Amino acid sequence: MFLRRGGQGQEDLFTVLKVHSLVCGDGYCQAHAPVAAVLLMQMPAEHAFWCLRSICDKYVPGYYSHGLEAIQMDGLILYKLVKKVSPSVYKILKKQKIDPVLYMTEWFMCLYSRTLPWASVLRVWDMFFCEGVKVLFRVGLVLLKFGLRPEVRAKCPSMYETLQALRNIAPGIMAEDFLLMQLQRLDISEEDLQKEHIRQTNKKELEKTQREKQAQKAKDR
């Protein structure tokens, strides 16, 4: 659909992204392109534009803003939830000091459209539109749990190998049937997500207050 230079697919994609960048306060972000492309495969360009606006404004507000603060926050939430779902995976991520943004940024910002096979993308998006951002966390937890299963972790002595493993997750883990089955079995509730969100928000506010106090002290000297 988007391969032919100057074709209708490319023109529609360019139009949707251009108009969105003009009306969106945050401007253009590369992650908009794969999201818009998936939408254009399902609907006319005008509908795709309004869907993209809704995703950015209502489903994942702040994800595409400069500084990526919302993504960083959700990365920390995901990291802490891993501790409950798979302590052994959490342990290796912590030991190797792997920042969540190194593996989850593309997952969340592209809504897994550049990660999962097409059938799985469609199912995940169906759930995302019905249930919201919590679906992104649940999918991420499944990918981390099984993408870094024991036999894989044994081959990951450093950050480099671990990140490579997360970039090359076995197709069977991302297959529609397996992924949906594991999402249903995942021992994470909406309350868990809300509690961790509150915890991380409070932590961020505390750190901000402390930085402001330190800056004021330095200024008063």
N, C-alpha and C. Protein backbone atom coordinates (compact mmCIF):
# COMPACT_ATOMS: atom_id res chain seq x y z
N MET A 1 0.82 -1.22 0.00
CA MET A 1 0.00 0.00 0.00
C MET A 1 0.86 1.27 0.00
N PHE A 2 2.00 1.21 0.67
CA PHE A 2 2.84 2.40 0.80
C PHE A 2 4.15 2.28 0.01
N LEU A 3 4.30 1.21 -0.77
CA LEU A 3 5.56 0.97 -1.47
C LEU A 3 5.71 1.82 -2.72
N ARG A 4 4.62 2.04 -3.46
CA ARG A 4 4.71 2.74 -4.74
C ARG A 4 4.93 4.23 -4.53
N ARG A 5 6.03 4.72 -5.06
CA ARG A 5 6.37 6.14 -4.91
C ARG A 5 5.30 7.00 -5.57
N GLY A 6 4.75 7.93 -4.82
CA GLY A 6 3.71 8.80 -5.35
C GLY A 6 2.35 8.16 -5.42
N GLY A 7 2.24 6.94 -4.90
CA GLY A 7 0.96 6.24 -4.91
C GLY A 7 -0.01 6.82 -3.90
N GLN A 8 -1.25 6.33 -3.95
CA GLN A 8 -2.29 6.86 -3.06
C GLN A 8 -1.95 6.63 -1.60
N GLY A 9 -1.36 5.48 -1.30
CA GLY A 9 -1.00 5.18 0.08
C GLY A 9 0.00 6.17 0.64
N GLN A 10 1.06 6.44 -0.13
CA GLN A 10 2.07 7.40 0.32
C GLN A 10 1.49 8.81 0.43
N GLU A 11 0.63 9.18 -0.51
CA GLU A 11 0.03 10.51 -0.47
C GLU A 11 -0.87 10.67 0.76
N ASP A 12 -1.67 9.65 1.04
CA ASP A 12 -2.55 9.72 2.20
C ASP A 12 -1.75 9.79 3.50
N LEU A 13 -0.68 8.99 3.56
CA LEU A 13 0.15 8.99 4.77
C LEU A 13 0.80 10.36 4.96
N PHE A 14 1.33 10.92 3.89
CA PHE A 14 1.95 12.24 3.97
C PHE A 14 0.94 13.30 4.42
N THR A 15 -0.26 13.23 3.85
CA THR A 15 -1.29 14.22 4.19
C THR A 15 -1.70 14.12 5.65
N VAL A 16 -1.96 12.91 6.11
CA VAL A 16 -2.37 12.71 7.50
C VAL A 16 -1.30 13.22 8.46
N LEU A 17 -0.06 12.86 8.19
CA LEU A 17 1.04 13.27 9.08
C LEU A 17 1.28 14.77 9.03
N LYS A 18 1.18 15.35 7.85
CA LYS A 18 1.42 16.79 7.71
C LYS A 18 0.35 17.59 8.45
N VAL A 19 -0.92 17.24 8.21
CA VAL A 19 -2.02 17.96 8.87
C VAL A 19 -1.95 17.78 10.38
N HIS A 20 -1.65 16.56 10.81
CA HIS A 20 -1.56 16.31 12.25
C HIS A 20 -0.44 17.13 12.87
N SER A 21 0.69 17.23 12.20
CA SER A 21 1.82 17.99 12.75
C SER A 21 1.49 19.48 12.85
N LEU A 22 0.62 19.96 11.96
CA LEU A 22 0.25 21.38 11.97
C LEU A 22 -0.73 21.71 13.08
N VAL A 23 -1.62 20.79 13.38
CA VAL A 23 -2.65 21.07 14.40
C VAL A 23 -2.25 20.57 15.78
N CYS A 24 -1.25 19.70 15.82
CA CYS A 24 -0.80 19.16 17.11
C CYS A 24 0.29 20.06 17.68
N GLY A 25 0.14 20.43 18.92
CA GLY A 25 1.09 21.34 19.55
C GLY A 25 2.49 20.79 19.64
N ASP A 26 2.63 19.46 19.67
CA ASP A 26 3.95 18.84 19.80
C ASP A 26 4.65 18.65 18.46
N GLY A 27 3.95 18.90 17.35
CA GLY A 27 4.56 18.74 16.05
C GLY A 27 4.68 17.28 15.63
N TYR A 28 5.57 17.03 14.66
CA TYR A 28 5.72 15.69 14.11
C TYR A 28 6.68 14.85 14.94
N CYS A 29 6.35 13.58 15.06
CA CYS A 29 7.21 12.60 15.72
C CYS A 29 7.28 11.38 14.81
N GLN A 30 8.45 10.78 14.68
CA GLN A 30 8.61 9.62 13.78
C GLN A 30 7.66 8.49 14.12
N ALA A 31 7.33 8.34 15.39
CA ALA A 31 6.45 7.25 15.80
C ALA A 31 5.03 7.43 15.30
N HIS A 32 4.68 8.64 14.85
CA HIS A 32 3.34 8.86 14.28
C HIS A 32 3.15 8.04 13.00
N ALA A 33 4.23 7.89 12.23
CA ALA A 33 4.12 7.27 10.90
C ALA A 33 3.59 5.84 10.94
N PRO A 34 4.19 4.93 11.72
CA PRO A 34 3.65 3.56 11.73
C PRO A 34 2.24 3.48 12.29
N VAL A 35 1.91 4.35 13.24
CA VAL A 35 0.55 4.35 13.79
C VAL A 35 -0.44 4.80 12.72
N ALA A 36 -0.11 5.89 12.03
CA ALA A 36 -0.97 6.38 10.96
C ALA A 36 -1.10 5.36 9.83
N ALA A 37 -0.01 4.65 9.54
CA ALA A 37 -0.03 3.66 8.47
C ALA A 37 -1.01 2.53 8.77
N VAL A 38 -1.01 2.06 10.00
CA VAL A 38 -1.95 1.00 10.39
C VAL A 38 -3.38 1.51 10.25
N LEU A 39 -3.63 2.73 10.68
CA LEU A 39 -4.98 3.30 10.57
C LEU A 39 -5.42 3.40 9.11
N LEU A 40 -4.51 3.81 8.23
CA LEU A 40 -4.85 3.97 6.81
C LEU A 40 -5.14 2.63 6.14
N MET A 41 -4.62 1.56 6.70
CA MET A 41 -4.93 0.23 6.16
C MET A 41 -6.35 -0.20 6.49
N GLN A 42 -6.98 0.52 7.41
CA GLN A 42 -8.31 0.13 7.88
C GLN A 42 -9.41 1.12 7.52
N MET A 43 -9.04 2.35 7.12
CA MET A 43 -10.05 3.40 6.95
C MET A 43 -9.56 4.50 6.02
N PRO A 44 -10.46 5.37 5.55
CA PRO A 44 -10.07 6.50 4.70
C PRO A 44 -9.17 7.48 5.45
N ALA A 45 -8.49 8.33 4.70
CA ALA A 45 -7.50 9.24 5.28
C ALA A 45 -8.10 10.17 6.32
N GLU A 46 -9.28 10.72 6.07
CA GLU A 46 -9.87 11.65 7.03
C GLU A 46 -10.16 10.96 8.36
N HIS A 47 -10.71 9.75 8.29
CA HIS A 47 -10.98 8.99 9.51
C HIS A 47 -9.68 8.64 10.23
N ALA A 48 -8.66 8.31 9.45
CA ALA A 48 -7.36 7.97 10.05
C ALA A 48 -6.78 9.17 10.79
N PHE A 49 -6.95 10.36 10.22
CA PHE A 49 -6.47 11.57 10.88
C PHE A 49 -7.14 11.76 12.24
N TRP A 50 -8.46 11.64 12.27
CA TRP A 50 -9.18 11.86 13.52
C TRP A 50 -8.87 10.77 14.54
N CYS A 51 -8.66 9.57 14.07
CA CYS A 51 -8.26 8.48 14.98
C CYS A 51 -6.89 8.76 15.58
N LEU A 52 -5.97 9.23 14.74
CA LEU A 52 -4.63 9.56 15.22
C LEU A 52 -4.70 10.67 16.26
N ARG A 53 -5.51 11.67 16.02
CA ARG A 53 -5.69 12.74 16.99
C ARG A 53 -6.22 12.19 18.32
N SER A 54 -7.19 11.30 18.22
CA SER A 54 -7.78 10.72 19.43
C SER A 54 -6.77 9.90 20.21
N ILE A 55 -5.96 9.12 19.49
CA ILE A 55 -4.92 8.32 20.14
C ILE A 55 -3.95 9.22 20.90
N CYS A 56 -3.49 10.27 20.24
CA CYS A 56 -2.49 11.16 20.84
C CYS A 56 -3.06 11.98 21.99
N ASP A 57 -4.30 12.42 21.84
CA ASP A 57 -4.88 13.33 22.84
C ASP A 57 -5.54 12.62 24.00
N LYS A 58 -6.14 11.44 23.74
CA LYS A 58 -6.95 10.79 24.77
C LYS A 58 -6.37 9.47 25.28
N TYR A 59 -5.78 8.68 24.39
CA TYR A 59 -5.29 7.37 24.80
C TYR A 59 -3.88 7.42 25.39
N VAL A 60 -3.00 8.15 24.73
CA VAL A 60 -1.61 8.22 25.22
C VAL A 60 -1.13 9.67 25.24
N PRO A 61 -1.80 10.54 25.98
CA PRO A 61 -1.40 11.95 26.01
C PRO A 61 0.02 12.13 26.54
N GLY A 62 0.77 12.95 25.85
CA GLY A 62 2.14 13.23 26.27
C GLY A 62 3.19 12.29 25.72
N TYR A 63 2.77 11.21 25.07
CA TYR A 63 3.74 10.24 24.56
C TYR A 63 4.67 10.84 23.51
N TYR A 64 4.16 11.77 22.72
CA TYR A 64 4.94 12.29 21.59
C TYR A 64 5.44 13.71 21.83
N SER A 65 5.39 14.16 23.07
CA SER A 65 5.85 15.51 23.40
C SER A 65 7.37 15.53 23.55
N HIS A 66 7.94 16.70 23.42
CA HIS A 66 9.39 16.85 23.55
C HIS A 66 9.82 16.47 24.97
N GLY A 67 10.89 15.69 25.05
CA GLY A 67 11.36 15.24 26.35
C GLY A 67 10.85 13.87 26.73
N LEU A 68 9.75 13.44 26.09
CA LEU A 68 9.20 12.10 26.31
C LEU A 68 8.97 11.78 27.79
N GLU A 69 8.52 12.76 28.55
CA GLU A 69 8.34 12.55 29.98
C GLU A 69 7.29 11.48 30.28
N ALA A 70 6.21 11.46 29.50
CA ALA A 70 5.15 10.47 29.73
C ALA A 70 5.66 9.06 29.45
N ILE A 71 6.47 8.92 28.40
CA ILE A 71 7.05 7.61 28.08
C ILE A 71 8.01 7.18 29.17
N GLN A 72 8.82 8.09 29.66
CA GLN A 72 9.75 7.76 30.74
C GLN A 72 8.99 7.32 31.99
N MET A 73 7.91 8.01 32.29
CA MET A 73 7.10 7.65 33.45
C MET A 73 6.51 6.25 33.30
N ASP A 74 5.93 5.97 32.13
CA ASP A 74 5.33 4.65 31.91
C ASP A 74 6.39 3.57 31.83
N GLY A 75 7.59 3.92 31.41
CA GLY A 75 8.69 2.97 31.43
C GLY A 75 9.03 2.54 32.84
N LEU A 76 9.04 3.48 33.76
CA LEU A 76 9.31 3.17 35.17
C LEU A 76 8.19 2.32 35.76
N ILE A 77 6.96 2.62 35.38
CA ILE A 77 5.82 1.83 35.86
C ILE A 77 5.94 0.40 35.36
N LEU A 78 6.24 0.24 34.07
CA LEU A 78 6.41 -1.10 33.50
C LEU A 78 7.52 -1.85 34.21
N TYR A 79 8.64 -1.19 34.45
CA TYR A 79 9.80 -1.79 35.12
C TYR A 79 9.42 -2.32 36.50
N LYS A 80 8.66 -1.55 37.26
CA LYS A 80 8.25 -1.98 38.60
C LYS A 80 7.24 -3.12 38.55
N LEU A 81 6.38 -3.13 37.54
CA LEU A 81 5.40 -4.21 37.42
C LEU A 81 6.07 -5.53 37.04
N VAL A 82 7.20 -5.44 36.34
CA VAL A 82 7.95 -6.66 35.99
C VAL A 82 8.35 -7.41 37.26
N LYS A 83 8.63 -6.67 38.31
CA LYS A 83 9.05 -7.29 39.57
C LYS A 83 7.99 -8.25 40.10
N LYS A 84 6.73 -7.92 39.89
CA LYS A 84 5.64 -8.79 40.34
C LYS A 84 5.41 -9.95 39.37
N VAL A 85 5.46 -9.65 38.10
CA VAL A 85 5.15 -10.66 37.08
C VAL A 85 6.28 -11.67 36.92
N SER A 86 7.52 -11.18 36.91
CA SER A 86 8.67 -12.06 36.70
C SER A 86 9.89 -11.52 37.45
N PRO A 87 10.03 -11.87 38.73
CA PRO A 87 11.15 -11.36 39.54
C PRO A 87 12.52 -11.64 38.93
N SER A 88 12.66 -12.78 38.26
CA SER A 88 13.96 -13.12 37.67
C SER A 88 14.32 -12.18 36.52
N VAL A 89 13.32 -11.78 35.74
CA VAL A 89 13.56 -10.82 34.66
C VAL A 89 13.87 -9.45 35.25
N TYR A 90 13.13 -9.07 36.27
CA TYR A 90 13.39 -7.79 36.96
C TYR A 90 14.82 -7.76 37.49
N LYS A 91 15.27 -8.88 38.01
CA LYS A 91 16.60 -8.96 38.60
C LYS A 91 17.68 -8.69 37.57
N ILE A 92 17.55 -9.27 36.38
CA ILE A 92 18.59 -9.07 35.36
C ILE A 92 18.55 -7.64 34.81
N LEU A 93 17.34 -7.08 34.67
CA LEU A 93 17.23 -5.70 34.21
C LEU A 93 17.86 -4.74 35.21
N LYS A 94 17.64 -5.02 36.48
CA LYS A 94 18.20 -4.18 37.53
C LYS A 94 19.72 -4.36 37.62
N LYS A 95 20.18 -5.59 37.57
CA LYS A 95 21.61 -5.88 37.67
C LYS A 95 22.39 -5.22 36.54
N GLN A 96 21.83 -5.26 35.35
CA GLN A 96 22.52 -4.69 34.19
C GLN A 96 22.20 -3.21 33.98
N LYS A 97 21.42 -2.65 34.90
CA LYS A 97 21.08 -1.22 34.88
C LYS A 97 20.53 -0.78 33.52
N ILE A 98 19.55 -1.54 33.05
CA ILE A 98 18.95 -1.25 31.75
C ILE A 98 17.77 -0.31 31.93
N ASP A 99 17.90 0.89 31.42
CA ASP A 99 16.82 1.88 31.49
C ASP A 99 15.64 1.40 30.66
N PRO A 100 14.43 1.43 31.19
CA PRO A 100 13.25 0.95 30.45
C PRO A 100 13.08 1.60 29.08
N VAL A 101 13.47 2.86 28.93
CA VAL A 101 13.26 3.54 27.64
C VAL A 101 14.07 2.88 26.53
N LEU A 102 15.08 2.09 26.89
CA LEU A 102 15.90 1.44 25.87
C LEU A 102 15.18 0.30 25.17
N TYR A 103 14.16 -0.27 25.83
CA TYR A 103 13.46 -1.38 25.19
C TYR A 103 11.97 -1.14 24.99
N MET A 104 11.36 -0.22 25.74
CA MET A 104 9.91 -0.06 25.63
C MET A 104 9.45 1.16 24.85
N THR A 105 10.35 2.04 24.49
CA THR A 105 9.94 3.27 23.80
C THR A 105 9.24 2.97 22.48
N GLU A 106 9.87 2.16 21.63
CA GLU A 106 9.24 1.82 20.35
C GLU A 106 7.97 1.00 20.57
N TRP A 107 7.98 0.11 21.54
CA TRP A 107 6.78 -0.68 21.83
C TRP A 107 5.58 0.22 22.07
N PHE A 108 5.74 1.14 23.02
CA PHE A 108 4.61 1.96 23.44
C PHE A 108 4.29 3.06 22.44
N MET A 109 5.29 3.76 21.93
CA MET A 109 5.03 4.89 21.04
C MET A 109 4.44 4.45 19.70
N CYS A 110 4.83 3.28 19.23
CA CYS A 110 4.30 2.75 17.97
C CYS A 110 3.15 1.79 18.20
N LEU A 111 2.73 1.65 19.45
CA LEU A 111 1.62 0.75 19.81
C LEU A 111 1.86 -0.66 19.29
N TYR A 112 3.10 -1.09 19.33
CA TYR A 112 3.55 -2.43 18.93
C TYR A 112 3.41 -2.70 17.42
N SER A 113 3.11 -1.67 16.64
CA SER A 113 2.93 -1.88 15.20
C SER A 113 4.23 -2.25 14.49
N ARG A 114 5.37 -1.93 15.10
CA ARG A 114 6.66 -2.28 14.50
C ARG A 114 7.32 -3.46 15.22
N THR A 115 6.56 -4.11 16.09
CA THR A 115 7.12 -5.20 16.89
C THR A 115 6.40 -6.52 16.62
N LEU A 116 5.09 -6.50 16.70
CA LEU A 116 4.29 -7.72 16.60
C LEU A 116 3.93 -8.05 15.16
N PRO A 117 3.65 -9.34 14.88
CA PRO A 117 3.13 -9.71 13.56
C PRO A 117 1.75 -9.09 13.35
N TRP A 118 1.35 -8.96 12.10
CA TRP A 118 0.14 -8.21 11.75
C TRP A 118 -1.11 -8.70 12.49
N ALA A 119 -1.32 -10.00 12.55
CA ALA A 119 -2.51 -10.53 13.22
C ALA A 119 -2.53 -10.13 14.68
N SER A 120 -1.38 -10.15 15.32
CA SER A 120 -1.29 -9.77 16.73
C SER A 120 -1.49 -8.27 16.91
N VAL A 121 -0.97 -7.48 15.97
CA VAL A 121 -1.17 -6.02 16.03
C VAL A 121 -2.66 -5.69 16.04
N LEU A 122 -3.40 -6.33 15.15
CA LEU A 122 -4.83 -6.04 15.06
C LEU A 122 -5.56 -6.41 16.35
N ARG A 123 -5.21 -7.53 16.93
CA ARG A 123 -5.87 -7.95 18.17
C ARG A 123 -5.51 -7.03 19.33
N VAL A 124 -4.24 -6.66 19.41
CA VAL A 124 -3.79 -5.76 20.47
C VAL A 124 -4.45 -4.39 20.32
N TRP A 125 -4.55 -3.90 19.10
CA TRP A 125 -5.20 -2.61 18.87
C TRP A 125 -6.68 -2.66 19.23
N ASP A 126 -7.35 -3.76 18.92
CA ASP A 126 -8.76 -3.90 19.32
C ASP A 126 -8.89 -3.73 20.82
N MET A 127 -8.03 -4.40 21.57
CA MET A 127 -8.07 -4.31 23.03
C MET A 127 -7.69 -2.91 23.50
N PHE A 128 -6.70 -2.32 22.83
CA PHE A 128 -6.24 -0.98 23.19
C PHE A 128 -7.36 0.04 23.07
N PHE A 129 -8.11 -0.01 21.98
CA PHE A 129 -9.20 0.95 21.79
C PHE A 129 -10.34 0.72 22.77
N CYS A 130 -10.51 -0.52 23.21
CA CYS A 130 -11.59 -0.82 24.16
C CYS A 130 -11.17 -0.57 25.61
N GLU A 131 -9.92 -0.89 25.95
CA GLU A 131 -9.49 -0.87 27.35
C GLU A 131 -8.49 0.23 27.68
N GLY A 132 -7.86 0.81 26.67
CA GLY A 132 -6.93 1.89 26.94
C GLY A 132 -5.48 1.47 27.09
N VAL A 133 -4.70 2.37 27.67
CA VAL A 133 -3.24 2.22 27.71
C VAL A 133 -2.78 1.02 28.53
N LYS A 134 -3.61 0.51 29.43
CA LYS A 134 -3.19 -0.63 30.25
C LYS A 134 -2.82 -1.83 29.39
N VAL A 135 -3.41 -1.92 28.19
CA VAL A 135 -3.10 -3.02 27.28
C VAL A 135 -1.63 -2.97 26.87
N LEU A 136 -1.08 -1.78 26.67
CA LEU A 136 0.32 -1.65 26.29
C LEU A 136 1.23 -2.22 27.38
N PHE A 137 0.87 -1.96 28.63
CA PHE A 137 1.65 -2.50 29.75
C PHE A 137 1.57 -4.02 29.79
N ARG A 138 0.38 -4.55 29.61
CA ARG A 138 0.20 -6.00 29.70
C ARG A 138 0.98 -6.72 28.60
N VAL A 139 0.93 -6.18 27.39
CA VAL A 139 1.69 -6.79 26.29
C VAL A 139 3.18 -6.71 26.58
N GLY A 140 3.63 -5.56 27.07
CA GLY A 140 5.04 -5.40 27.40
C GLY A 140 5.51 -6.39 28.45
N LEU A 141 4.67 -6.64 29.44
CA LEU A 141 5.02 -7.59 30.50
C LEU A 141 5.15 -9.00 29.96
N VAL A 142 4.27 -9.37 29.04
CA VAL A 142 4.35 -10.70 28.42
C VAL A 142 5.63 -10.82 27.60
N LEU A 143 5.95 -9.80 26.82
CA LEU A 143 7.16 -9.85 25.99
C LEU A 143 8.42 -9.93 26.85
N LEU A 144 8.44 -9.21 27.95
CA LEU A 144 9.60 -9.26 28.85
C LEU A 144 9.70 -10.62 29.53
N LYS A 145 8.58 -11.12 30.00
CA LYS A 145 8.58 -12.39 30.73
C LYS A 145 9.06 -13.54 29.87
N PHE A 146 8.56 -13.62 28.64
CA PHE A 146 8.90 -14.75 27.79
C PHE A 146 10.06 -14.45 26.84
N GLY A 147 10.26 -13.17 26.54
CA GLY A 147 11.40 -12.80 25.71
C GLY A 147 12.72 -12.99 26.44
N LEU A 148 12.66 -12.92 27.78
CA LEU A 148 13.85 -13.14 28.62
C LEU A 148 13.63 -14.35 29.52
N ARG A 149 13.11 -15.42 28.95
CA ARG A 149 12.92 -16.65 29.70
C ARG A 149 14.30 -17.22 30.07
N PRO A 150 14.36 -18.19 30.99
CA PRO A 150 15.65 -18.66 31.55
C PRO A 150 16.73 -19.00 30.53
N GLU A 151 16.37 -19.73 29.47
CA GLU A 151 17.39 -20.13 28.50
C GLU A 151 17.94 -18.93 27.72
N VAL A 152 17.14 -17.89 27.59
CA VAL A 152 17.61 -16.67 26.92
C VAL A 152 18.49 -15.87 27.87
N ARG A 153 18.06 -15.74 29.11
CA ARG A 153 18.85 -14.99 30.10
C ARG A 153 20.23 -15.58 30.29
N ALA A 154 20.34 -16.89 30.14
CA ALA A 154 21.63 -17.56 30.31
C ALA A 154 22.64 -17.11 29.25
N LYS A 155 22.13 -16.59 28.14
CA LYS A 155 23.00 -16.13 27.05
C LYS A 155 23.15 -14.60 27.04
N CYS A 156 22.74 -13.97 28.13
CA CYS A 156 22.77 -12.50 28.19
C CYS A 156 23.63 -12.01 29.36
N PRO A 157 24.95 -12.06 29.22
CA PRO A 157 25.83 -11.64 30.32
C PRO A 157 25.91 -10.12 30.50
N SER A 158 25.46 -9.37 29.50
CA SER A 158 25.56 -7.91 29.61
C SER A 158 24.34 -7.24 29.00
N MET A 159 24.29 -5.92 29.16
CA MET A 159 23.18 -5.14 28.63
C MET A 159 23.01 -5.35 27.12
N TYR A 160 24.09 -5.43 26.40
CA TYR A 160 24.03 -5.56 24.95
C TYR A 160 23.24 -6.80 24.54
N GLU A 161 23.59 -7.95 25.09
CA GLU A 161 22.91 -9.19 24.73
C GLU A 161 21.44 -9.16 25.16
N THR A 162 21.17 -8.57 26.31
CA THR A 162 19.79 -8.52 26.79
C THR A 162 18.92 -7.67 25.88
N LEU A 163 19.42 -6.52 25.48
CA LEU A 163 18.66 -5.66 24.57
C LEU A 163 18.49 -6.31 23.20
N GLN A 164 19.51 -7.02 22.76
CA GLN A 164 19.40 -7.74 21.49
C GLN A 164 18.31 -8.80 21.57
N ALA A 165 18.25 -9.48 22.71
CA ALA A 165 17.22 -10.51 22.90
C ALA A 165 15.82 -9.90 22.84
N LEU A 166 15.67 -8.71 23.40
CA LEU A 166 14.36 -8.05 23.39
C LEU A 166 14.02 -7.47 22.02
N ARG A 167 15.03 -7.27 21.19
CA ARG A 167 14.77 -6.81 19.83
C ARG A 167 14.51 -7.98 18.88
N ASN A 168 14.81 -9.18 19.34
CA ASN A 168 14.64 -10.37 18.49
C ASN A 168 13.87 -11.45 19.24
N ILE A 169 12.72 -11.09 19.74
CA ILE A 169 11.88 -12.04 20.47
C ILE A 169 11.36 -13.11 19.52
N ALA A 170 11.34 -14.35 19.98
CA ALA A 170 10.92 -15.48 19.15
C ALA A 170 9.51 -15.25 18.59
N PRO A 171 9.30 -15.53 17.30
CA PRO A 171 7.99 -15.31 16.68
C PRO A 171 6.84 -16.00 17.41
N GLY A 172 7.11 -17.18 17.96
CA GLY A 172 6.06 -17.91 18.65
C GLY A 172 5.50 -17.16 19.85
N ILE A 173 6.34 -16.38 20.51
CA ILE A 173 5.91 -15.60 21.68
C ILE A 173 4.97 -14.47 21.26
N MET A 174 5.22 -13.93 20.07
CA MET A 174 4.41 -12.80 19.59
C MET A 174 3.22 -13.24 18.75
N ALA A 175 3.10 -14.55 18.52
CA ALA A 175 1.98 -15.06 17.73
C ALA A 175 0.66 -14.78 18.44
N GLU A 176 -0.36 -14.55 17.66
CA GLU A 176 -1.67 -14.12 18.18
C GLU A 176 -2.20 -15.02 19.29
N ASP A 177 -2.27 -16.32 19.05
CA ASP A 177 -2.88 -17.23 20.03
C ASP A 177 -2.09 -17.26 21.33
N PHE A 178 -0.77 -17.39 21.23
CA PHE A 178 0.06 -17.46 22.44
C PHE A 178 -0.01 -16.15 23.21
N LEU A 179 0.10 -15.04 22.51
CA LEU A 179 0.10 -13.74 23.16
C LEU A 179 -1.20 -13.49 23.91
N LEU A 180 -2.33 -13.77 23.27
CA LEU A 180 -3.63 -13.53 23.91
C LEU A 180 -3.82 -14.44 25.11
N MET A 181 -3.36 -15.68 25.00
CA MET A 181 -3.48 -16.61 26.12
C MET A 181 -2.69 -16.11 27.32
N GLN A 182 -1.48 -15.62 27.08
CA GLN A 182 -0.65 -15.13 28.18
C GLN A 182 -1.17 -13.81 28.75
N LEU A 183 -1.78 -12.99 27.92
CA LEU A 183 -2.39 -11.76 28.42
C LEU A 183 -3.52 -12.07 29.39
N GLN A 184 -4.28 -13.11 29.09
CA GLN A 184 -5.38 -13.51 29.97
C GLN A 184 -4.87 -14.09 31.28
N ARG A 185 -3.73 -14.74 31.23
CA ARG A 185 -3.17 -15.38 32.43
C ARG A 185 -2.35 -14.42 33.30
N LEU A 186 -2.03 -13.28 32.77
CA LEU A 186 -1.14 -12.35 33.46
C LEU A 186 -1.73 -11.90 34.79
N ASP A 187 -0.92 -12.02 35.84
CA ASP A 187 -1.39 -11.69 37.19
C ASP A 187 -1.14 -10.22 37.51
N ILE A 188 -1.78 -9.36 36.75
CA ILE A 188 -1.69 -7.91 36.96
C ILE A 188 -3.09 -7.32 36.83
N SER A 189 -3.51 -6.59 37.83
CA SER A 189 -4.84 -5.99 37.80
C SER A 189 -4.76 -4.50 37.46
N GLU A 190 -5.90 -3.93 37.15
CA GLU A 190 -5.95 -2.49 36.89
C GLU A 190 -5.55 -1.71 38.14
N GLU A 191 -5.88 -2.27 39.30
CA GLU A 191 -5.51 -1.63 40.56
C GLU A 191 -4.00 -1.58 40.73
N ASP A 192 -3.31 -2.65 40.31
CA ASP A 192 -1.84 -2.67 40.36
C ASP A 192 -1.26 -1.53 39.52
N LEU A 193 -1.82 -1.35 38.34
CA LEU A 193 -1.35 -0.29 37.45
C LEU A 193 -1.59 1.09 38.07
N GLN A 194 -2.77 1.28 38.63
CA GLN A 194 -3.11 2.57 39.22
C GLN A 194 -2.22 2.89 40.41
N LYS A 195 -1.99 1.88 41.25
CA LYS A 195 -1.14 2.09 42.43
C LYS A 195 0.28 2.47 42.03
N GLU A 196 0.81 1.77 41.04
CA GLU A 196 2.18 2.06 40.61
C GLU A 196 2.26 3.43 39.93
N HIS A 197 1.22 3.79 39.21
CA HIS A 197 1.19 5.11 38.58
C HIS A 197 1.22 6.20 39.65
N ILE A 198 0.42 6.04 40.68
CA ILE A 198 0.39 7.01 41.78
C ILE A 198 1.74 7.07 42.47
N ARG A 199 2.34 5.91 42.70
CA ARG A 199 3.64 5.84 43.38
C ARG A 199 4.72 6.57 42.57
N GLN A 200 4.75 6.32 41.28
CA GLN A 200 5.77 6.96 40.45
C GLN A 200 5.52 8.46 40.28
N THR A 201 4.25 8.84 40.22
CA THR A 201 3.92 10.27 40.12
C THR A 201 4.35 11.01 41.37
N ASN A 202 4.06 10.43 42.52
CA ASN A 202 4.46 11.05 43.79
C ASN A 202 5.98 11.14 43.91
N LYS A 203 6.65 10.09 43.47
CA LYS A 203 8.11 10.07 43.51
C LYS A 203 8.69 11.17 42.62
N LYS A 204 8.10 11.33 41.45
CA LYS A 204 8.57 12.36 40.52
C LYS A 204 8.37 13.75 41.11
N GLU A 205 7.22 13.97 41.73
CA GLU A 205 6.93 15.28 42.33
C GLU A 205 7.89 15.58 43.49
N LEU A 206 8.19 14.54 44.27
CA LEU A 206 9.12 14.71 45.38
C LEU A 206 10.51 15.07 44.88
N GLU A 207 10.96 14.38 43.83
CA GLU A 207 12.28 14.66 43.26
C GLU A 207 12.33 16.08 42.69
N LYS A 208 11.23 16.50 42.07
CA LYS A 208 11.15 17.86 41.52
C LYS A 208 11.25 18.90 42.64
N THR A 209 10.53 18.65 43.73
CA THR A 209 10.56 19.57 44.87
C THR A 209 11.96 19.66 45.47
N GLN A 210 12.62 18.51 45.58
CA GLN A 210 13.98 18.49 46.14
C GLN A 210 14.95 19.25 45.24
N ARG A 211 14.81 19.09 43.93
CA ARG A 211 15.69 19.82 43.00
C ARG A 211 15.48 21.32 43.11
N GLU A 212 14.22 21.72 43.25
CA GLU A 212 13.91 23.14 43.38
C GLU A 212 14.48 23.72 44.66
N LYS A 213 14.42 22.95 45.75
CA LYS A 213 14.98 23.41 47.02
C LYS A 213 16.49 23.55 46.93
N GLN A 214 17.13 22.57 46.29
CA GLN A 214 18.59 22.62 46.13
C GLN A 214 19.00 23.81 45.27
N ALA A 215 18.22 24.07 44.22
CA ALA A 215 18.52 25.20 43.34
C ALA A 215 18.36 26.52 44.09
N GLN A 216 17.34 26.58 44.94
CA GLN A 216 17.10 27.80 45.71
C GLN A 216 18.22 28.03 46.73
N LYS A 217 18.68 26.94 47.36
CA LYS A 217 19.78 27.05 48.31
C LYS A 217 21.04 27.55 47.63
N ALA A 218 21.31 27.00 46.45
CA ALA A 218 22.50 27.41 45.71
C ALA A 218 22.41 28.87 45.29
N LYS A 219 21.19 29.31 44.99
CA LYS A 219 20.98 30.69 44.58
C LYS A 219 21.16 31.66 45.75
N ASP A 220 20.77 31.20 46.95
CA ASP A 220 20.84 32.06 48.14
C ASP A 220 22.25 32.20 48.69
N ARG A 221 23.15 31.32 48.27
CA ARG A 221 24.52 31.38 48.81
C ARG A 221 25.28 32.59 48.29
